[in-house]
Amino acid sequence: MSLTLHLPDSEATVALGRALASILSRMDTPPALLLQGDLGSGKTTLVRGFVESLPGAESAEVSSPSFNICNLYPTTPGVAHFDLYRLEGMEPDDALFDAFEDPDTITIVEWIQYLPKEMWPEDALFLEWTPSDTGRSLVLHAMGGAAQSVLDALRPNENRF
């Protein structure tokens, strides 16, 4: 299943990040968020809205982890924010796969296209930014039951983004 959204500006992208955080932070086993989009498409903006809405965010400085590959944010629940841009053609270390398996951490991965699909977690929400003349277009694809429940929770509010 999928859901297509048009995000007219960065405020809408931040609002979607907040909505996702609200849903995922209440789940026993939240799906990973796998983000794919060009530079400047809104991936890190979405993560910023996500992290800043969680308890403990006042101690978190959200930025793209392009140079250090992973940022761990001291929120509740914890967030592991990976950026695979610099790993094109290389396999990430075990920290990514450990984060996928950790039920106490929400894992968000930017530039997921650099990880072969057979290495993606079974339950994940794949967010695919696509070109748009105005704002940002985003297709959210549910992969697994938990991810589908996230889409089901978002669908009634899809017009508020």
Protein backbone atom coordinates (compact mmCIF):
# COMPACT_ATOMS: atom_id res chain seq x y z
CA MET A 1 0.00 0.00 0.00
CA SER A 2 1.12 3.55 -0.52
CA LEU A 3 0.08 7.12 0.23
CA THR A 4 1.01 10.11 -1.93
CA LEU A 5 1.35 13.54 -0.32
CA HIS A 6 2.12 16.98 -1.69
CA LEU A 7 4.12 19.02 0.82
CA PRO A 8 3.87 22.68 -0.22
CA ASP A 9 6.76 23.91 1.96
CA SER A 10 9.24 23.00 4.68
CA GLU A 11 6.65 23.68 7.39
CA ALA A 12 4.48 20.91 5.93
CA THR A 13 7.52 18.61 5.84
CA VAL A 14 8.24 19.36 9.52
CA ALA A 15 4.55 18.74 10.35
CA LEU A 16 4.72 15.34 8.65
CA GLY A 17 7.86 14.52 10.65
CA ARG A 18 6.00 15.43 13.86
CA ALA A 19 3.00 13.31 12.87
CA LEU A 20 5.25 10.33 12.12
CA ALA A 21 7.02 10.75 15.47
CA SER A 22 3.70 10.83 17.29
CA ILE A 23 2.63 7.57 15.68
CA LEU A 24 5.94 5.67 15.80
CA SER A 25 6.83 6.67 19.37
CA ARG A 26 3.68 4.90 20.64
CA MET A 27 4.39 1.62 18.82
CA ASP A 28 5.94 -1.39 20.56
CA THR A 29 7.99 -2.21 17.47
CA PRO A 30 8.07 0.78 15.12
CA PRO A 31 9.08 0.26 11.50
CA ALA A 32 12.26 1.86 10.19
CA LEU A 33 11.91 4.99 8.05
CA LEU A 34 13.81 4.64 4.78
CA LEU A 35 14.23 7.93 2.91
CA GLN A 36 15.09 8.39 -0.76
CA GLY A 37 15.29 11.74 -2.52
CA ASP A 38 17.64 14.16 -4.23
CA LEU A 39 19.78 16.67 -2.36
CA GLY A 40 17.53 19.35 -0.88
CA SER A 41 14.35 17.29 -1.23
CA GLY A 42 13.42 17.51 2.45
CA LYS A 43 14.80 14.34 4.03
CA THR A 44 16.69 16.05 6.86
CA THR A 45 13.87 18.58 7.33
CA LEU A 46 11.49 15.69 7.95
CA VAL A 47 13.95 14.15 10.44
CA ARG A 48 14.26 17.51 12.22
CA GLY A 49 10.47 17.69 12.70
CA PHE A 50 10.45 14.07 13.84
CA VAL A 51 13.23 14.40 16.44
CA GLU A 52 12.25 17.85 17.72
CA SER A 53 8.80 16.59 18.70
CA LEU A 54 10.11 13.82 20.99
CA PRO A 55 10.94 14.10 24.71
CA GLY A 56 14.65 14.86 25.15
CA ALA A 57 14.91 16.80 21.89
CA GLU A 58 16.28 19.84 23.70
CA SER A 59 19.57 17.89 23.93
CA ALA A 60 19.53 16.90 20.25
CA GLU A 61 20.97 18.91 17.39
CA VAL A 62 19.52 17.49 14.20
CA SER A 63 21.78 17.62 11.17
CA SER A 64 22.50 15.42 8.21
CA PRO A 65 25.00 12.79 9.37
CA SER A 66 26.74 12.76 5.98
CA PHE A 67 30.25 12.88 7.41
CA ASN A 68 29.87 10.68 10.48
CA ILE A 69 27.28 8.31 8.88
CA CYS A 70 25.12 8.11 12.05
CA ASN A 71 23.71 10.53 14.62
CA LEU A 72 22.16 9.10 17.77
CA TYR A 73 19.64 11.45 19.37
CA PRO A 74 18.99 11.30 23.14
CA THR A 75 15.22 11.29 22.79
CA THR A 76 12.54 8.98 24.12
CA PRO A 77 12.42 6.70 22.26
CA GLY A 78 15.96 7.01 20.95
CA VAL A 79 16.49 7.81 17.29
CA ALA A 80 19.36 6.48 15.15
CA HIS A 81 19.70 8.70 12.05
CA PHE A 82 21.89 7.21 9.32
CA ASP A 83 23.02 8.81 6.06
CA LEU A 84 24.37 6.41 3.44
CA TYR A 85 25.34 9.06 0.87
CA ARG A 86 29.09 8.63 1.40
CA LEU A 87 28.79 4.84 1.37
CA GLU A 88 27.73 4.52 -2.25
CA GLY A 89 29.03 1.13 -3.39
CA MET A 90 30.17 0.08 0.11
CA GLU A 91 28.34 -1.90 2.75
CA PRO A 92 27.61 -0.12 6.05
CA ASP A 93 28.95 -1.51 9.29
CA ASP A 94 26.89 -3.56 11.72
CA ALA A 95 25.62 -0.49 13.61
CA LEU A 96 22.92 0.00 10.97
CA PHE A 97 21.71 -3.59 11.14
CA ASP A 98 21.84 -3.55 14.96
CA ALA A 99 19.66 -0.41 14.93
CA PHE A 100 17.16 -2.13 12.63
CA GLU A 101 16.81 -4.89 15.25
CA ASP A 102 16.65 -2.64 18.35
CA PRO A 103 13.00 -2.28 19.45
CA ASP A 104 13.91 0.69 21.70
CA THR A 105 15.30 2.76 18.83
CA ILE A 106 13.57 4.28 15.84
CA THR A 107 15.88 3.97 12.86
CA ILE A 108 15.81 6.55 10.07
CA VAL A 109 18.02 6.06 7.00
CA GLU A 110 18.67 8.75 4.37
CA TRP A 111 19.90 7.74 0.91
CA ILE A 112 18.49 4.23 1.37
CA GLN A 113 18.99 3.60 -2.35
CA TYR A 114 22.68 2.96 -1.54
CA LEU A 115 21.75 -0.13 0.48
CA PRO A 116 20.71 -3.16 -1.58
CA LYS A 117 17.00 -3.89 -1.09
CA GLU A 118 17.72 -7.38 0.20
CA MET A 119 19.39 -5.69 3.20
CA TRP A 120 16.38 -3.49 4.01
CA PRO A 121 14.37 -4.45 7.09
CA GLU A 122 11.19 -6.42 6.44
CA ASP A 123 9.00 -3.88 8.22
CA ALA A 124 9.73 -0.35 7.05
CA LEU A 125 8.11 2.77 5.73
CA PHE A 126 9.84 3.78 2.49
CA LEU A 127 9.50 7.52 1.78
CA GLU A 128 10.28 8.45 -1.80
CA TRP A 129 10.57 12.13 -2.73
CA THR A 130 9.76 12.87 -6.35
CA PRO A 131 10.21 16.06 -8.39
CA SER A 132 7.40 18.62 -8.21
CA ASP A 133 6.91 22.04 -9.78
CA THR A 134 5.85 23.42 -6.39
CA GLY A 135 6.84 22.13 -2.98
CA ARG A 136 7.65 18.47 -2.55
CA SER A 137 5.89 15.32 -3.65
CA LEU A 138 6.29 12.30 -1.42
CA VAL A 139 5.11 8.73 -1.81
CA LEU A 140 5.06 6.64 1.37
CA HIS A 141 5.24 2.88 0.73
CA ALA A 142 4.35 0.45 3.53
CA MET A 143 6.52 -2.64 3.72
CA GLY A 144 5.09 -4.85 6.48
CA GLY A 145 2.26 -4.72 8.98
CA ALA A 146 3.62 -2.05 11.33
CA ALA A 147 4.38 0.23 8.39
CA GLN A 148 0.87 -0.28 7.05
CA SER A 149 -0.60 0.73 10.41
CA VAL A 150 1.43 3.97 10.22
CA LEU A 151 -0.06 4.73 6.79
CA ASP A 152 -3.54 3.92 8.10
CA ALA A 153 -3.00 6.39 10.98
CA LEU A 154 -1.74 9.11 8.60
CA ARG A 155 -4.43 8.73 5.95
CA PRO A 156 -7.27 10.58 7.79
CA ASN A 157 -4.97 13.60 8.23
CA GLU A 158 -3.26 13.58 4.84
CA ASN A 159 -4.71 16.96 3.85
CA ARG A 160 -3.13 18.79 6.79
CA PHE A 161 0.40 18.49 5.40
